[in-house]
Amino acid sequence: MGDERSAAMTRIAIELDRLGQEVNATRHVLDDAEPNGREEVVQRLRHIATRANQIAANVENGNLV
C-alpha cells in the first residue's frame, strides 16, 4: 500500500509540475502578448484551471490522479 501511495504522490507532483510549467508559459505569452494574444492567454488559463480542478477532485475522492 505504501508503494501505491508513493506512486500516487509522485504522479501528483508530476501533474503539479506540469501545471507550473504551463503557468510559466502563459506568463511569457502574456508578457509578449499583442492585443490579439488575449484569447490565447484566456485559453491557457482555462486549461490550467480545469486541470487543477481535476487534480483536486481526484485527490479529494481518493483517486490520487
N, C-alpha and C. Protein backbone atom coordinates (compact mmCIF):
# COMPACT_ATOMS: atom_id res chain seq x y z
N MET A 1 0.83 -1.20 0.00
CA MET A 1 0.00 0.00 0.00
C MET A 1 0.87 1.25 0.00
N GLY A 2 2.01 1.18 0.70
CA GLY A 2 2.90 2.33 0.74
C GLY A 2 3.45 2.68 -0.63
N ASP A 3 3.78 1.63 -1.40
CA ASP A 3 4.29 1.86 -2.75
C ASP A 3 3.24 2.52 -3.64
N GLU A 4 2.00 2.09 -3.50
CA GLU A 4 0.91 2.69 -4.28
C GLU A 4 0.75 4.16 -3.92
N ARG A 5 0.78 4.45 -2.63
CA ARG A 5 0.63 5.83 -2.18
C ARG A 5 1.81 6.69 -2.66
N SER A 6 3.00 6.12 -2.60
CA SER A 6 4.19 6.83 -3.06
C SER A 6 4.10 7.11 -4.56
N ALA A 7 3.64 6.13 -5.32
CA ALA A 7 3.49 6.31 -6.77
C ALA A 7 2.43 7.37 -7.06
N ALA A 8 1.35 7.35 -6.28
CA ALA A 8 0.29 8.34 -6.47
C ALA A 8 0.81 9.74 -6.16
N MET A 9 1.58 9.87 -5.10
CA MET A 9 2.14 11.17 -4.75
C MET A 9 3.11 11.65 -5.83
N THR A 10 3.85 10.73 -6.41
CA THR A 10 4.76 11.08 -7.50
C THR A 10 3.98 11.59 -8.70
N ARG A 11 2.87 10.91 -9.03
CA ARG A 11 2.03 11.35 -10.16
C ARG A 11 1.45 12.74 -9.89
N ILE A 12 1.04 12.98 -8.66
CA ILE A 12 0.50 14.31 -8.31
C ILE A 12 1.59 15.36 -8.48
N ALA A 13 2.78 15.06 -7.98
CA ALA A 13 3.89 16.01 -8.11
C ALA A 13 4.19 16.31 -9.57
N ILE A 14 4.15 15.28 -10.41
CA ILE A 14 4.41 15.46 -11.85
C ILE A 14 3.33 16.35 -12.47
N GLU A 15 2.07 16.07 -12.13
CA GLU A 15 0.97 16.88 -12.67
C GLU A 15 1.08 18.34 -12.22
N LEU A 16 1.43 18.55 -10.96
CA LEU A 16 1.57 19.92 -10.45
C LEU A 16 2.76 20.61 -11.11
N ASP A 17 3.83 19.88 -11.38
CA ASP A 17 4.97 20.46 -12.08
C ASP A 17 4.58 20.87 -13.49
N ARG A 18 3.81 20.02 -14.15
CA ARG A 18 3.33 20.36 -15.50
C ARG A 18 2.49 21.63 -15.47
N LEU A 19 1.62 21.74 -14.46
CA LEU A 19 0.82 22.96 -14.34
C LEU A 19 1.71 24.17 -14.11
N GLY A 20 2.74 24.01 -13.30
CA GLY A 20 3.68 25.10 -13.08
C GLY A 20 4.35 25.54 -14.37
N GLN A 21 4.71 24.57 -15.20
CA GLN A 21 5.30 24.89 -16.49
C GLN A 21 4.31 25.62 -17.38
N GLU A 22 3.05 25.20 -17.33
CA GLU A 22 2.01 25.88 -18.12
C GLU A 22 1.83 27.32 -17.64
N VAL A 23 1.88 27.52 -16.33
CA VAL A 23 1.76 28.88 -15.79
C VAL A 23 2.91 29.74 -16.30
N ASN A 24 4.13 29.20 -16.27
CA ASN A 24 5.28 29.95 -16.77
C ASN A 24 5.14 30.27 -18.26
N ALA A 25 4.69 29.30 -19.04
CA ALA A 25 4.50 29.53 -20.48
C ALA A 25 3.44 30.60 -20.70
N THR A 26 2.38 30.55 -19.90
CA THR A 26 1.31 31.55 -20.03
C THR A 26 1.83 32.93 -19.65
N ARG A 27 2.65 32.98 -18.63
CA ARG A 27 3.24 34.26 -18.22
C ARG A 27 4.05 34.86 -19.37
N HIS A 28 4.82 34.02 -20.07
CA HIS A 28 5.61 34.51 -21.21
C HIS A 28 4.70 34.99 -22.33
N VAL A 29 3.64 34.26 -22.59
CA VAL A 29 2.69 34.68 -23.63
C VAL A 29 2.09 36.02 -23.25
N LEU A 30 1.73 36.16 -21.99
CA LEU A 30 1.13 37.41 -21.51
C LEU A 30 2.12 38.56 -21.63
N ASP A 31 3.38 38.31 -21.25
CA ASP A 31 4.40 39.36 -21.35
C ASP A 31 4.60 39.82 -22.79
N ASP A 32 4.51 38.87 -23.73
CA ASP A 32 4.75 39.18 -25.15
C ASP A 32 3.46 39.43 -25.93
N ALA A 33 2.34 39.40 -25.24
CA ALA A 33 1.04 39.43 -25.92
C ALA A 33 0.78 40.76 -26.60
N GLU A 34 0.29 40.61 -27.78
CA GLU A 34 -0.26 41.74 -28.51
C GLU A 34 -1.73 41.80 -28.12
N PRO A 35 -2.44 42.82 -28.52
CA PRO A 35 -3.86 42.86 -28.17
C PRO A 35 -4.62 41.60 -28.58
N ASN A 36 -4.22 40.99 -29.68
CA ASN A 36 -4.91 39.78 -30.15
C ASN A 36 -4.47 38.53 -29.38
N GLY A 37 -3.42 38.62 -28.58
CA GLY A 37 -2.92 37.47 -27.85
C GLY A 37 -3.74 37.15 -26.61
N ARG A 38 -4.67 38.01 -26.31
CA ARG A 38 -5.50 37.83 -25.13
C ARG A 38 -6.24 36.50 -25.12
N GLU A 39 -6.78 36.13 -26.26
CA GLU A 39 -7.56 34.90 -26.35
C GLU A 39 -6.69 33.68 -26.04
N GLU A 40 -5.46 33.68 -26.51
CA GLU A 40 -4.55 32.56 -26.21
C GLU A 40 -4.30 32.47 -24.71
N VAL A 41 -4.09 33.61 -24.07
CA VAL A 41 -3.87 33.62 -22.62
C VAL A 41 -5.10 33.09 -21.89
N VAL A 42 -6.27 33.54 -22.30
CA VAL A 42 -7.51 33.09 -21.66
C VAL A 42 -7.66 31.58 -21.84
N GLN A 43 -7.39 31.05 -23.01
CA GLN A 43 -7.49 29.61 -23.25
C GLN A 43 -6.51 28.83 -22.38
N ARG A 44 -5.29 29.33 -22.27
CA ARG A 44 -4.28 28.66 -21.45
C ARG A 44 -4.70 28.67 -19.98
N LEU A 45 -5.22 29.79 -19.51
CA LEU A 45 -5.63 29.89 -18.12
C LEU A 45 -6.82 28.97 -17.83
N ARG A 46 -7.74 28.86 -18.78
CA ARG A 46 -8.86 27.93 -18.61
C ARG A 46 -8.37 26.49 -18.52
N HIS A 47 -7.42 26.16 -19.37
CA HIS A 47 -6.85 24.80 -19.35
C HIS A 47 -6.18 24.53 -18.00
N ILE A 48 -5.40 25.47 -17.52
CA ILE A 48 -4.72 25.31 -16.23
C ILE A 48 -5.74 25.13 -15.11
N ALA A 49 -6.77 25.96 -15.11
CA ALA A 49 -7.79 25.87 -14.07
C ALA A 49 -8.54 24.54 -14.13
N THR A 50 -8.84 24.08 -15.33
CA THR A 50 -9.54 22.80 -15.48
C THR A 50 -8.69 21.66 -14.96
N ARG A 51 -7.43 21.62 -15.33
CA ARG A 51 -6.53 20.55 -14.86
C ARG A 51 -6.37 20.61 -13.35
N ALA A 52 -6.22 21.80 -12.80
CA ALA A 52 -6.07 21.94 -11.34
C ALA A 52 -7.32 21.42 -10.63
N ASN A 53 -8.47 21.74 -11.16
CA ASN A 53 -9.73 21.26 -10.56
C ASN A 53 -9.84 19.74 -10.67
N GLN A 54 -9.41 19.17 -11.79
CA GLN A 54 -9.45 17.72 -11.95
C GLN A 54 -8.52 17.03 -10.95
N ILE A 55 -7.33 17.57 -10.80
CA ILE A 55 -6.38 17.00 -9.85
C ILE A 55 -6.95 17.08 -8.43
N ALA A 56 -7.48 18.24 -8.07
CA ALA A 56 -8.05 18.41 -6.72
C ALA A 56 -9.20 17.45 -6.48
N ALA A 57 -10.08 17.28 -7.47
CA ALA A 57 -11.22 16.38 -7.32
C ALA A 57 -10.75 14.94 -7.17
N ASN A 58 -9.76 14.54 -7.95
CA ASN A 58 -9.24 13.18 -7.85
C ASN A 58 -8.59 12.92 -6.49
N VAL A 59 -7.83 13.88 -6.02
CA VAL A 59 -7.20 13.73 -4.70
C VAL A 59 -8.27 13.67 -3.62
N GLU A 60 -9.24 14.55 -3.71
CA GLU A 60 -10.33 14.58 -2.72
C GLU A 60 -11.11 13.27 -2.70
N ASN A 61 -11.31 12.68 -3.85
CA ASN A 61 -12.06 11.42 -3.95
C ASN A 61 -11.20 10.20 -3.67
N GLY A 62 -9.93 10.42 -3.41
CA GLY A 62 -9.04 9.31 -3.12
C GLY A 62 -8.47 8.63 -4.34
N ASN A 63 -8.73 9.19 -5.52
CA ASN A 63 -8.21 8.58 -6.76
C ASN A 63 -6.73 8.89 -6.97
N LEU A 64 -6.26 9.95 -6.38
CA LEU A 64 -4.86 10.36 -6.44
C LEU A 64 -4.28 10.34 -7.85
N VAL A 65 -5.02 10.88 -8.78
CA VAL A 65 -4.63 11.09 -10.16
C VAL A 65 -4.34 9.84 -10.86
